[in-house]
């Protein structure tokens, strides 16, 4: 297989993994795997070749794109669960032993910097590169190849992964040559995103409490100095948060519980005070405690404004 059209495995066909796999299948041979049969069925319907195991998906692949929820899932996927399996039997093996020498693992998830250098070293022992490439943009933009991607990886790793990243990203920024550099920048990014969503929720809740017209308020704020991407993007969904069906789930609230936790951990390791990010984290934690974990993250407005005014 030509390096310009590398066989690519996508492991994790969730909200982001599936549209990424679908996008990649427009230009590359793609195999996909997910532990959920329903996601495999959706992938097959979208034209992605599915497999019965992650090991089967990665066999012979030059690029393996990983879309998992957190660092624990990443470690289990690559190196196995350790101890006993979930059914009480033997440990579940990871895919590392099935990876092709000279291939690259593209980590698209936000998992934080902790342990990334060690993970890269373990893969390097197998002659496998790690491309640290956390991304943002949401499912619709993933399917359109319009993602924002920040990359930390060696030149060799970037060259191997280039055909995949080029299909997915409209904006790709190389922030360093070491895995972990991408996670570091994404951590900073998520600090701002989480704070901006929380601030937008408080502002629109206050406008509602003051009896202002919600739509006009959002329009006026978005057009002025108070505007932000998150206000413009999440604001309309916040206006739907109290509706019976709620807003469409485009980014789950518990993702920001995870991501702001990563921010807090990074700040503590750096001995840096981040009180605004810590306050935003508390809003998302309260939202999770109130049963909103699987709701759109715009539903955080319900924490500060449990009842919408008439």
C-alpha atoms as a PDB file:
ATOM      1  CA  UNK A   1       0.000   0.000   0.000  1.00  0.00           C
ATOM      2  CA  UNK A   2       1.343   3.403  -0.959  1.00  0.00           C
ATOM      3  CA  UNK A   3       2.230   5.716   1.895  1.00  0.00           C
ATOM      4  CA  UNK A   4       0.008   8.295   0.188  1.00  0.00           C
ATOM      5  CA  UNK A   5      -2.986   6.003   0.753  1.00  0.00           C
ATOM      6  CA  UNK A   6      -2.133   4.166   3.974  1.00  0.00           C
ATOM      7  CA  UNK A   7      -4.399   1.436   5.222  1.00  0.00           C
ATOM      8  CA  UNK A   8      -5.974   3.037   8.287  1.00  0.00           C
ATOM      9  CA  UNK A   9      -7.668   1.527  11.302  1.00  0.00           C
ATOM     10  CA  UNK A  10     -10.083   3.583  13.384  1.00  0.00           C
ATOM     11  CA  UNK A  11     -10.577   2.236  16.897  1.00  0.00           C
ATOM     12  CA  UNK A  12     -13.559   3.776  18.655  1.00  0.00           C
ATOM     13  CA  UNK A  13     -16.570   4.593  16.464  1.00  0.00           C
ATOM     14  CA  UNK A  14     -18.357   6.931  18.852  1.00  0.00           C
ATOM     15  CA  UNK A  15     -19.642  10.445  18.268  1.00  0.00           C
ATOM     16  CA  UNK A  16     -16.313  11.571  16.793  1.00  0.00           C
ATOM     17  CA  UNK A  17     -14.748   8.281  15.694  1.00  0.00           C
ATOM     18  CA  UNK A  18     -17.548   7.294  13.316  1.00  0.00           C
ATOM     19  CA  UNK A  19     -17.673  10.525  11.286  1.00  0.00           C
ATOM     20  CA  UNK A  20     -13.869  10.538  11.169  1.00  0.00           C
ATOM     21  CA  UNK A  21     -13.856   6.967   9.846  1.00  0.00           C
ATOM     22  CA  UNK A  22     -16.523   7.873   7.315  1.00  0.00           C
ATOM     23  CA  UNK A  23     -14.532  10.882   6.161  1.00  0.00           C
ATOM     24  CA  UNK A  24     -11.309   8.868   5.859  1.00  0.00           C
ATOM     25  CA  UNK A  25     -13.080   6.157   3.859  1.00  0.00           C
ATOM     26  CA  UNK A  26     -13.669   8.695   1.083  1.00  0.00           C
ATOM     27  CA  UNK A  27      -9.967   8.626   0.266  1.00  0.00           C
ATOM     28  CA  UNK A  28      -8.294   5.763   2.101  1.00  0.00           C
ATOM     29  CA  UNK A  29      -8.828   2.061   2.799  1.00  0.00           C
ATOM     30  CA  UNK A  30     -10.312   2.099   6.307  1.00  0.00           C
ATOM     31  CA  UNK A  31     -11.128  -0.623   8.817  1.00  0.00           C
ATOM     32  CA  UNK A  32     -13.104   0.243  11.945  1.00  0.00           C
ATOM     33  CA  UNK A  33     -13.812  -1.372  15.280  1.00  0.00           C
ATOM     34  CA  UNK A  34     -15.925  -0.531  18.309  1.00  0.00           C
ATOM     35  CA  UNK A  35     -17.052  -2.652  21.241  1.00  0.00           C
ATOM     36  CA  UNK A  36     -20.670  -1.560  20.647  1.00  0.00           C
ATOM     37  CA  UNK A  37     -22.400  -3.622  17.913  1.00  0.00           C
ATOM     38  CA  UNK A  38     -24.722  -0.720  17.099  1.00  0.00           C
ATOM     39  CA  UNK A  39     -21.772   1.507  16.233  1.00  0.00           C
ATOM     40  CA  UNK A  40     -20.282  -1.205  14.032  1.00  0.00           C
ATOM     41  CA  UNK A  41     -23.576  -1.464  12.176  1.00  0.00           C
ATOM     42  CA  UNK A  42     -23.694   2.295  11.621  1.00  0.00           C
ATOM     43  CA  UNK A  43     -20.108   2.235  10.359  1.00  0.00           C
ATOM     44  CA  UNK A  44     -20.867  -0.563   7.916  1.00  0.00           C
ATOM     45  CA  UNK A  45     -23.876   1.365   6.634  1.00  0.00           C
ATOM     46  CA  UNK A  46     -21.568   4.355   6.063  1.00  0.00           C
ATOM     47  CA  UNK A  47     -19.206   2.298   3.926  1.00  0.00           C
ATOM     48  CA  UNK A  48     -16.525   1.552   6.523  1.00  0.00           C
ATOM     49  CA  UNK A  49     -15.131  -1.977   6.568  1.00  0.00           C
ATOM     50  CA  UNK A  50     -15.753  -3.286  10.083  1.00  0.00           C
ATOM     51  CA  UNK A  51     -13.914  -6.014  11.972  1.00  0.00           C
ATOM     52  CA  UNK A  52     -14.723  -8.340  14.829  1.00  0.00           C
ATOM     53  CA  UNK A  53     -11.803  -7.187  16.989  1.00  0.00           C
ATOM     54  CA  UNK A  54      -9.410  -4.294  17.421  1.00  0.00           C
ATOM     55  CA  UNK A  55      -6.486  -6.638  16.703  1.00  0.00           C
ATOM     56  CA  UNK A  56      -8.018  -7.562  13.350  1.00  0.00           C
ATOM     57  CA  UNK A  57      -8.560  -3.901  12.509  1.00  0.00           C
ATOM     58  CA  UNK A  58      -4.946  -2.864  13.136  1.00  0.00           C
ATOM     59  CA  UNK A  59      -3.234  -5.847  11.486  1.00  0.00           C
ATOM     60  CA  UNK A  60      -1.177  -4.502   8.598  1.00  0.00           C
ATOM     61  CA  UNK A  61      -2.407  -0.913   9.048  1.00  0.00           C
ATOM     62  CA  UNK A  62       0.108   1.870   8.528  1.00  0.00           C
ATOM     63  CA  UNK A  63      -1.952   4.317  10.599  1.00  0.00           C
ATOM     64  CA  UNK A  64      -4.125   3.522  13.623  1.00  0.00           C
ATOM     65  CA  UNK A  65      -6.431   6.340  14.685  1.00  0.00           C
ATOM     66  CA  UNK A  66      -7.613   6.046  18.281  1.00  0.00           C
ATOM     67  CA  UNK A  67     -10.731   7.791  19.581  1.00  0.00           C
ATOM     68  CA  UNK A  68     -11.245   6.794  23.221  1.00  0.00           C
ATOM     69  CA  UNK A  69     -12.789   8.562  26.205  1.00  0.00           C
ATOM     70  CA  UNK A  70      -9.857   8.829  28.614  1.00  0.00           C
ATOM     71  CA  UNK A  71      -6.318   7.773  29.497  1.00  0.00           C
ATOM     72  CA  UNK A  72      -7.441   4.554  31.201  1.00  0.00           C
ATOM     73  CA  UNK A  73      -9.219   3.385  28.047  1.00  0.00           C
ATOM     74  CA  UNK A  74      -6.174   4.308  25.970  1.00  0.00           C
ATOM     75  CA  UNK A  75      -3.817   2.274  28.136  1.00  0.00           C
ATOM     76  CA  UNK A  76      -6.192  -0.713  28.173  1.00  0.00           C
ATOM     77  CA  UNK A  77      -6.608  -0.564  24.389  1.00  0.00           C
ATOM     78  CA  UNK A  78      -2.882  -0.480  23.707  1.00  0.00           C
ATOM     79  CA  UNK A  79      -1.456  -2.666  26.441  1.00  0.00           C
ATOM     80  CA  UNK A  80      -4.354  -4.623  27.926  1.00  0.00           C
ATOM     81  CA  UNK A  81      -6.572  -4.326  30.965  1.00  0.00           C
ATOM     82  CA  UNK A  82      -4.182  -5.962  33.444  1.00  0.00           C
ATOM     83  CA  UNK A  83      -5.411  -8.249  36.202  1.00  0.00           C
ATOM     84  CA  UNK A  84      -8.652  -9.974  35.264  1.00  0.00           C
ATOM     85  CA  UNK A  85     -10.899  -9.255  32.332  1.00  0.00           C
ATOM     86  CA  UNK A  86     -14.314  -7.697  32.809  1.00  0.00           C
ATOM     87  CA  UNK A  87     -15.883 -11.171  32.881  1.00  0.00           C
ATOM     88  CA  UNK A  88     -13.579 -12.328  35.681  1.00  0.00           C
ATOM     89  CA  UNK A  89     -11.342 -14.276  33.314  1.00  0.00           C
ATOM     90  CA  UNK A  90      -7.850 -13.582  32.076  1.00  0.00           C
ATOM     91  CA  UNK A  91      -6.615 -10.095  31.340  1.00  0.00           C
ATOM     92  CA  UNK A  92      -7.772  -8.601  28.051  1.00  0.00           C
ATOM     93  CA  UNK A  93      -4.758  -8.213  25.724  1.00  0.00           C
ATOM     94  CA  UNK A  94      -3.992  -4.905  24.063  1.00  0.00           C
ATOM     95  CA  UNK A  95      -3.360  -4.158  20.417  1.00  0.00           C
ATOM     96  CA  UNK A  96       0.291  -3.095  20.783  1.00  0.00           C
ATOM     97  CA  UNK A  97       1.558  -6.537  19.869  1.00  0.00           C
ATOM     98  CA  UNK A  98      -0.486  -6.488  16.661  1.00  0.00           C
ATOM     99  CA  UNK A  99       0.770  -3.125  15.383  1.00  0.00           C
ATOM    100  CA  UNK A 100       2.852  -3.029  12.216  1.00  0.00           C
ATOM    101  CA  UNK A 101       6.494  -1.992  12.612  1.00  0.00           C
ATOM    102  CA  UNK A 102       6.908   1.512  11.223  1.00  0.00           C
ATOM    103  CA  UNK A 103       3.258   2.380  11.722  1.00  0.00           C
ATOM    104  CA  UNK A 104       1.858   5.344  13.623  1.00  0.00           C
ATOM    105  CA  UNK A 105      -0.811   5.541  16.308  1.00  0.00           C
ATOM    106  CA  UNK A 106      -2.752   8.802  16.027  1.00  0.00           C
ATOM    107  CA  UNK A 107      -4.228   9.779  19.376  1.00  0.00           C
ATOM    108  CA  UNK A 108      -7.159  12.126  18.752  1.00  0.00           C
ATOM    109  CA  UNK A 109      -8.579  12.090  22.282  1.00  0.00           C
ATOM    110  CA  UNK A 110      -7.966  14.637  25.026  1.00  0.00           C
ATOM    111  CA  UNK A 111      -6.297  12.626  27.787  1.00  0.00           C
ATOM    112  CA  UNK A 112      -3.811  15.098  29.298  1.00  0.00           C
ATOM    113  CA  UNK A 113      -0.033  15.056  29.273  1.00  0.00           C
ATOM    114  CA  UNK A 114       0.438  12.658  32.180  1.00  0.00           C
ATOM    115  CA  UNK A 115       2.028   9.409  30.979  1.00  0.00           C
ATOM    116  CA  UNK A 116       2.166  10.360  27.285  1.00  0.00           C
ATOM    117  CA  UNK A 117       5.972  10.339  27.103  1.00  0.00           C
ATOM    118  CA  UNK A 118       6.075   6.903  28.727  1.00  0.00           C
ATOM    119  CA  UNK A 119       3.402   5.592  26.377  1.00  0.00           C
ATOM    120  CA  UNK A 120       5.339   6.901  23.377  1.00  0.00           C
ATOM    121  CA  UNK A 121       8.483   5.184  24.640  1.00  0.00           C
ATOM    122  CA  UNK A 122       6.703   1.832  24.995  1.00  0.00           C
ATOM    123  CA  UNK A 123       5.422   2.108  21.432  1.00  0.00           C
ATOM    124  CA  UNK A 124       8.872   3.166  20.188  1.00  0.00           C
ATOM    125  CA  UNK A 125      10.256  -0.116  21.541  1.00  0.00           C
ATOM    126  CA  UNK A 126       7.955  -1.771  18.983  1.00  0.00           C
ATOM    127  CA  UNK A 127       9.079   0.634  16.218  1.00  0.00           C
ATOM    128  CA  UNK A 128       5.677   2.325  16.343  1.00  0.00           C
ATOM    129  CA  UNK A 129       5.335   6.118  16.470  1.00  0.00           C
ATOM    130  CA  UNK A 130       2.816   8.050  18.539  1.00  0.00           C
ATOM    131  CA  UNK A 131       1.202  11.081  16.929  1.00  0.00           C
ATOM    132  CA  UNK A 132      -0.307  13.215  19.683  1.00  0.00           C
ATOM    133  CA  UNK A 133      -3.128  14.929  17.778  1.00  0.00           C
ATOM    134  CA  UNK A 134      -6.058  16.052  19.957  1.00  0.00           C
ATOM    135  CA  UNK A 135      -8.757  17.742  17.953  1.00  0.00           C
ATOM    136  CA  UNK A 136     -11.892  19.818  18.244  1.00  0.00           C
ATOM    137  CA  UNK A 137     -14.806  20.777  16.062  1.00  0.00           C
ATOM    138  CA  UNK A 138     -17.601  18.312  16.766  1.00  0.00           C
ATOM    139  CA  UNK A 139     -19.125  15.423  14.785  1.00  0.00           C
ATOM    140  CA  UNK A 140     -20.458  17.457  11.840  1.00  0.00           C
ATOM    141  CA  UNK A 141     -17.077  19.054  11.198  1.00  0.00           C
ATOM    142  CA  UNK A 142     -15.358  15.674  11.633  1.00  0.00           C
ATOM    143  CA  UNK A 143     -17.452  14.259   8.810  1.00  0.00           C
ATOM    144  CA  UNK A 144     -16.649  17.248   6.605  1.00  0.00           C
ATOM    145  CA  UNK A 145     -12.889  17.229   7.235  1.00  0.00           C
ATOM    146  CA  UNK A 146     -13.127  20.596   8.978  1.00  0.00           C
ATOM    147  CA  UNK A 147     -11.489  19.807  12.315  1.00  0.00           C
ATOM    148  CA  UNK A 148      -8.947  21.839  14.257  1.00  0.00           C
ATOM    149  CA  UNK A 149      -5.990  19.592  15.105  1.00  0.00           C
ATOM    150  CA  UNK A 150      -2.877  20.310  17.181  1.00  0.00           C
ATOM    151  CA  UNK A 151       0.019  17.922  16.759  1.00  0.00           C
ATOM    152  CA  UNK A 152       2.997  16.880  18.816  1.00  0.00           C
ATOM    153  CA  UNK A 153       5.067  14.210  17.030  1.00  0.00           C
ATOM    154  CA  UNK A 154       8.403  13.516  15.401  1.00  0.00           C
ATOM    155  CA  UNK A 155       8.877  14.403  11.737  1.00  0.00           C
ATOM    156  CA  UNK A 156       8.779  10.698  10.777  1.00  0.00           C
ATOM    157  CA  UNK A 157       5.527  10.174  12.645  1.00  0.00           C
ATOM    158  CA  UNK A 158       3.957  13.261  11.092  1.00  0.00           C
ATOM    159  CA  UNK A 159       4.927  12.078   7.620  1.00  0.00           C
ATOM    160  CA  UNK A 160       3.326   8.683   8.190  1.00  0.00           C
ATOM    161  CA  UNK A 161       0.120  10.197   9.513  1.00  0.00           C
ATOM    162  CA  UNK A 162      -0.088  13.107   7.046  1.00  0.00           C
ATOM    163  CA  UNK A 163      -2.599  11.546   4.616  1.00  0.00           C
ATOM    164  CA  UNK A 164      -4.975  10.867   7.515  1.00  0.00           C
ATOM    165  CA  UNK A 165      -4.591  14.240   9.203  1.00  0.00           C
ATOM    166  CA  UNK A 166      -4.900  16.092   5.902  1.00  0.00           C
ATOM    167  CA  UNK A 167      -8.285  14.482   5.254  1.00  0.00           C
ATOM    168  CA  UNK A 168      -9.571  15.369   8.725  1.00  0.00           C
ATOM    169  CA  UNK A 169      -8.199  18.836   9.404  1.00  0.00           C
ATOM    170  CA  UNK A 170      -8.967  22.225   7.926  1.00  0.00           C
ATOM    171  CA  UNK A 171      -6.547  23.757  10.438  1.00  0.00           C
ATOM    172  CA  UNK A 172      -3.540  21.704  11.553  1.00  0.00           C
ATOM    173  CA  UNK A 173      -0.959  23.217  13.872  1.00  0.00           C
ATOM    174  CA  UNK A 174       2.291  21.451  14.713  1.00  0.00           C
ATOM    175  CA  UNK A 175       3.145  22.589  18.220  1.00  0.00           C
ATOM    176  CA  UNK A 176       6.203  20.449  18.832  1.00  0.00           C
ATOM    177  CA  UNK A 177       8.185  17.336  17.963  1.00  0.00           C
ATOM    178  CA  UNK A 178       7.332  15.427  21.139  1.00  0.00           C
ATOM    179  CA  UNK A 179       4.174  13.491  21.974  1.00  0.00           C
ATOM    180  CA  UNK A 180       2.558  15.401  24.826  1.00  0.00           C
ATOM    181  CA  UNK A 181       2.965  18.795  23.172  1.00  0.00           C
ATOM    182  CA  UNK A 182      -0.409  18.421  21.497  1.00  0.00           C
ATOM    183  CA  UNK A 183      -2.067  17.408  24.765  1.00  0.00           C
ATOM    184  CA  UNK A 184      -0.488  20.406  26.501  1.00  0.00           C
ATOM    185  CA  UNK A 185      -1.944  22.885  24.021  1.00  0.00           C
ATOM    186  CA  UNK A 186      -5.321  21.140  24.060  1.00  0.00           C
ATOM    187  CA  UNK A 187      -5.329  21.432  27.862  1.00  0.00           C
ATOM    188  CA  UNK A 188      -4.911  25.209  27.554  1.00  0.00           C
ATOM    189  CA  UNK A 189      -7.618  25.254  24.892  1.00  0.00           C
ATOM    190  CA  UNK A 190     -10.056  23.355  27.095  1.00  0.00           C
ATOM    191  CA  UNK A 191      -9.463  25.734  30.004  1.00  0.00           C
ATOM    192  CA  UNK A 192     -10.720  28.583  27.835  1.00  0.00           C
ATOM    193  CA  UNK A 193     -13.576  26.589  26.301  1.00  0.00           C
ATOM    194  CA  UNK A 194     -14.883  25.382  29.658  1.00  0.00           C
ATOM    195  CA  UNK A 195     -14.684  28.844  31.216  1.00  0.00           C
ATOM    196  CA  UNK A 196     -16.385  30.424  28.201  1.00  0.00           C
ATOM    197  CA  UNK A 197     -19.287  27.955  28.294  1.00  0.00           C
ATOM    198  CA  UNK A 198     -19.757  28.485  32.037  1.00  0.00           C
ATOM    199  CA  UNK A 199     -19.625  32.267  31.622  1.00  0.00           C
ATOM    200  CA  UNK A 200     -22.141  32.158  28.763  1.00  0.00           C
ATOM    201  CA  UNK A 201     -24.486  30.107  30.946  1.00  0.00           C
ATOM    202  CA  UNK A 202     -24.276  32.588  33.830  1.00  0.00           C
ATOM    203  CA  UNK A 203     -24.783  35.567  31.500  1.00  0.00           C
ATOM    204  CA  UNK A 204     -27.856  34.132  29.782  1.00  0.00           C
ATOM    205  CA  UNK A 205     -29.304  32.986  33.116  1.00  0.00           C
ATOM    206  CA  UNK A 206     -28.876  36.518  34.482  1.00  0.00           C
ATOM    207  CA  UNK A 207     -30.531  38.005  31.392  1.00  0.00           C
ATOM    208  CA  UNK A 208     -33.467  35.662  31.920  1.00  0.00           C
ATOM    209  CA  UNK A 209     -33.688  36.605  35.615  1.00  0.00           C
ATOM    210  CA  UNK A 210     -33.764  40.287  34.638  1.00  0.00           C
ATOM    211  CA  UNK A 211     -36.686  39.663  32.311  1.00  0.00           C
ATOM    212  CA  UNK A 212     -34.822  40.317  29.062  1.00  0.00           C
ATOM    213  CA  UNK A 213     -35.863  38.743  25.791  1.00  0.00           C
ATOM    214  CA  UNK A 214     -33.593  35.717  25.429  1.00  0.00           C
ATOM    215  CA  UNK A 215     -33.109  35.706  21.662  1.00  0.00           C
ATOM    216  CA  UNK A 216     -32.543  39.456  21.420  1.00  0.00           C
ATOM    217  CA  UNK A 217     -30.105  39.348  24.332  1.00  0.00           C
ATOM    218  CA  UNK A 218     -28.080  36.587  22.708  1.00  0.00           C
ATOM    219  CA  UNK A 219     -28.023  38.442  19.397  1.00  0.00           C
ATOM    220  CA  UNK A 220     -26.879  41.683  21.031  1.00  0.00           C
ATOM    221  CA  UNK A 221     -24.164  40.021  23.119  1.00  0.00           C
ATOM    222  CA  UNK A 222     -22.817  38.005  20.198  1.00  0.00           C
ATOM    223  CA  UNK A 223     -22.446  41.151  18.080  1.00  0.00           C
ATOM    224  CA  UNK A 224     -20.417  43.109  20.653  1.00  0.00           C
ATOM    225  CA  UNK A 225     -17.271  42.924  22.721  1.00  0.00           C
ATOM    226  CA  UNK A 226     -18.874  40.332  25.024  1.00  0.00           C
ATOM    227  CA  UNK A 227     -19.170  37.868  22.167  1.00  0.00           C
ATOM    228  CA  UNK A 228     -17.179  34.631  22.006  1.00  0.00           C
ATOM    229  CA  UNK A 229     -17.222  31.493  19.915  1.00  0.00           C
ATOM    230  CA  UNK A 230     -18.789  29.548  22.767  1.00  0.00           C
ATOM    231  CA  UNK A 231     -21.487  32.161  23.351  1.00  0.00           C
ATOM    232  CA  UNK A 232     -22.405  32.098  19.682  1.00  0.00           C
ATOM    233  CA  UNK A 233     -22.181  28.310  19.418  1.00  0.00           C
ATOM    234  CA  UNK A 234     -23.641  27.175  22.740  1.00  0.00           C
ATOM    235  CA  UNK A 235     -25.944  30.151  23.357  1.00  0.00           C
ATOM    236  CA  UNK A 236     -28.752  28.995  21.028  1.00  0.00           C
ATOM    237  CA  UNK A 237     -28.633  25.536  22.611  1.00  0.00           C
ATOM    238  CA  UNK A 238     -28.748  27.086  26.093  1.00  0.00           C
ATOM    239  CA  UNK A 239     -32.035  28.694  25.087  1.00  0.00           C
ATOM    240  CA  UNK A 240     -33.322  25.163  24.443  1.00  0.00           C
ATOM    241  CA  UNK A 241     -31.881  23.654  27.622  1.00  0.00           C
ATOM    242  CA  UNK A 242     -35.123  23.909  29.594  1.00  0.00           C
ATOM    243  CA  UNK A 243     -37.301  22.532  26.818  1.00  0.00           C
ATOM    244  CA  UNK A 244     -38.715  19.073  27.407  1.00  0.00           C
ATOM    245  CA  UNK A 245     -36.432  17.450  24.834  1.00  0.00           C
ATOM    246  CA  UNK A 246     -33.472  19.731  25.628  1.00  0.00           C
ATOM    247  CA  UNK A 247     -30.864  20.697  23.074  1.00  0.00           C
ATOM    248  CA  UNK A 248     -29.419  18.237  20.606  1.00  0.00           C
ATOM    249  CA  UNK A 249     -26.403  16.542  22.163  1.00  0.00           C
ATOM    250  CA  UNK A 250     -23.381  17.680  20.165  1.00  0.00           C
ATOM    251  CA  UNK A 251     -20.879  17.648  23.039  1.00  0.00           C
ATOM    252  CA  UNK A 252     -21.688  15.815  26.267  1.00  0.00           C
ATOM    253  CA  UNK A 253     -21.486  17.692  29.547  1.00  0.00           C
ATOM    254  CA  UNK A 254     -19.338  15.013  31.178  1.00  0.00           C
ATOM    255  CA  UNK A 255     -16.621  15.648  28.570  1.00  0.00           C
ATOM    256  CA  UNK A 256     -15.946  18.973  30.281  1.00  0.00           C
ATOM    257  CA  UNK A 257     -15.970  17.283  33.686  1.00  0.00           C
ATOM    258  CA  UNK A 258     -13.085  15.203  32.334  1.00  0.00           C
ATOM    259  CA  UNK A 259     -11.327  18.008  30.484  1.00  0.00           C
ATOM    260  CA  UNK A 260     -11.472  20.572  33.285  1.00  0.00           C
ATOM    261  CA  UNK A 261     -10.202  17.851  35.605  1.00  0.00           C
ATOM    262  CA  UNK A 262      -7.223  17.515  33.259  1.00  0.00           C
ATOM    263  CA  UNK A 263      -6.770  21.296  33.398  1.00  0.00           C
ATOM    264  CA  UNK A 264      -6.782  21.241  37.204  1.00  0.00           C
ATOM    265  CA  UNK A 265      -4.281  18.382  37.354  1.00  0.00           C
ATOM    266  CA  UNK A 266      -1.941  20.157  34.932  1.00  0.00           C
ATOM    267  CA  UNK A 267      -2.169  23.424  36.857  1.00  0.00           C
ATOM    268  CA  UNK A 268      -1.384  21.716  40.153  1.00  0.00           C
ATOM    269  CA  UNK A 269       1.663  19.990  38.660  1.00  0.00           C
ATOM    270  CA  UNK A 270       2.812  23.394  37.406  1.00  0.00           C
ATOM    271  CA  UNK A 271       2.053  24.994  40.813  1.00  0.00           C
ATOM    272  CA  UNK A 272      -0.202  27.458  38.987  1.00  0.00           C
ATOM    273  CA  UNK A 273      -3.402  28.881  40.408  1.00  0.00           C
ATOM    274  CA  UNK A 274      -6.395  28.680  38.019  1.00  0.00           C
ATOM    275  CA  UNK A 275      -9.353  29.819  40.158  1.00  0.00           C
ATOM    276  CA  UNK A 276     -11.651  30.689  37.239  1.00  0.00           C
ATOM    277  CA  UNK A 277     -11.178  27.270  35.652  1.00  0.00           C
ATOM    278  CA  UNK A 278     -11.776  25.650  39.048  1.00  0.00           C
ATOM    279  CA  UNK A 279     -15.065  27.522  39.430  1.00  0.00           C
ATOM    280  CA  UNK A 280     -16.160  26.438  35.943  1.00  0.00           C
ATOM    281  CA  UNK A 281     -15.270  22.837  36.787  1.00  0.00           C
ATOM    282  CA  UNK A 282     -17.594  22.992  39.796  1.00  0.00           C
ATOM    283  CA  UNK A 283     -20.521  24.018  37.564  1.00  0.00           C
ATOM    284  CA  UNK A 284     -19.964  21.021  35.300  1.00  0.00           C
ATOM    285  CA  UNK A 285     -19.551  18.699  38.298  1.00  0.00           C
ATOM    286  CA  UNK A 286     -22.857  19.997  39.682  1.00  0.00           C
ATOM    287  CA  UNK A 287     -24.454  19.386  36.304  1.00  0.00           C
ATOM    288  CA  UNK A 288     -23.195  15.810  36.354  1.00  0.00           C
ATOM    289  CA  UNK A 289     -24.513  15.351  39.904  1.00  0.00           C
ATOM    290  CA  UNK A 290     -27.906  16.636  38.729  1.00  0.00           C
ATOM    291  CA  UNK A 291     -28.159  13.921  36.103  1.00  0.00           C
ATOM    292  CA  UNK A 292     -26.969  15.975  33.125  1.00  0.00           C
ATOM    293  CA  UNK A 293     -23.816  13.969  32.321  1.00  0.00           C
ATOM    294  CA  UNK A 294     -25.151  12.739  28.980  1.00  0.00           C
ATOM    295  CA  UNK A 295     -26.896  16.023  28.108  1.00  0.00           C
ATOM    296  CA  UNK A 296     -25.350  18.597  25.808  1.00  0.00           C
ATOM    297  CA  UNK A 297     -22.796  20.703  27.683  1.00  0.00           C
ATOM    298  CA  UNK A 298     -25.002  23.761  27.097  1.00  0.00           C
ATOM    299  CA  UNK A 299     -27.313  22.253  29.721  1.00  0.00           C
ATOM    300  CA  UNK A 300     -24.908  23.570  32.370  1.00  0.00           C
ATOM    301  CA  UNK A 301     -27.160  26.667  32.353  1.00  0.00           C
ATOM    302  CA  UNK A 302     -29.670  24.561  34.301  1.00  0.00           C
ATOM    303  CA  UNK A 303     -27.251  24.476  37.228  1.00  0.00           C
ATOM    304  CA  UNK A 304     -27.390  28.250  37.689  1.00  0.00           C
ATOM    305  CA  UNK A 305     -30.973  28.636  36.433  1.00  0.00           C
ATOM    306  CA  UNK A 306     -32.946  25.489  37.307  1.00  0.00           C
ATOM    307  CA  UNK A 307     -36.254  27.012  36.166  1.00  0.00           C
ATOM    308  CA  UNK A 308     -36.705  29.180  33.112  1.00  0.00           C
ATOM    309  CA  UNK A 309     -38.763  32.309  33.717  1.00  0.00           C
ATOM    310  CA  UNK A 310     -41.899  32.941  31.699  1.00  0.00           C
END
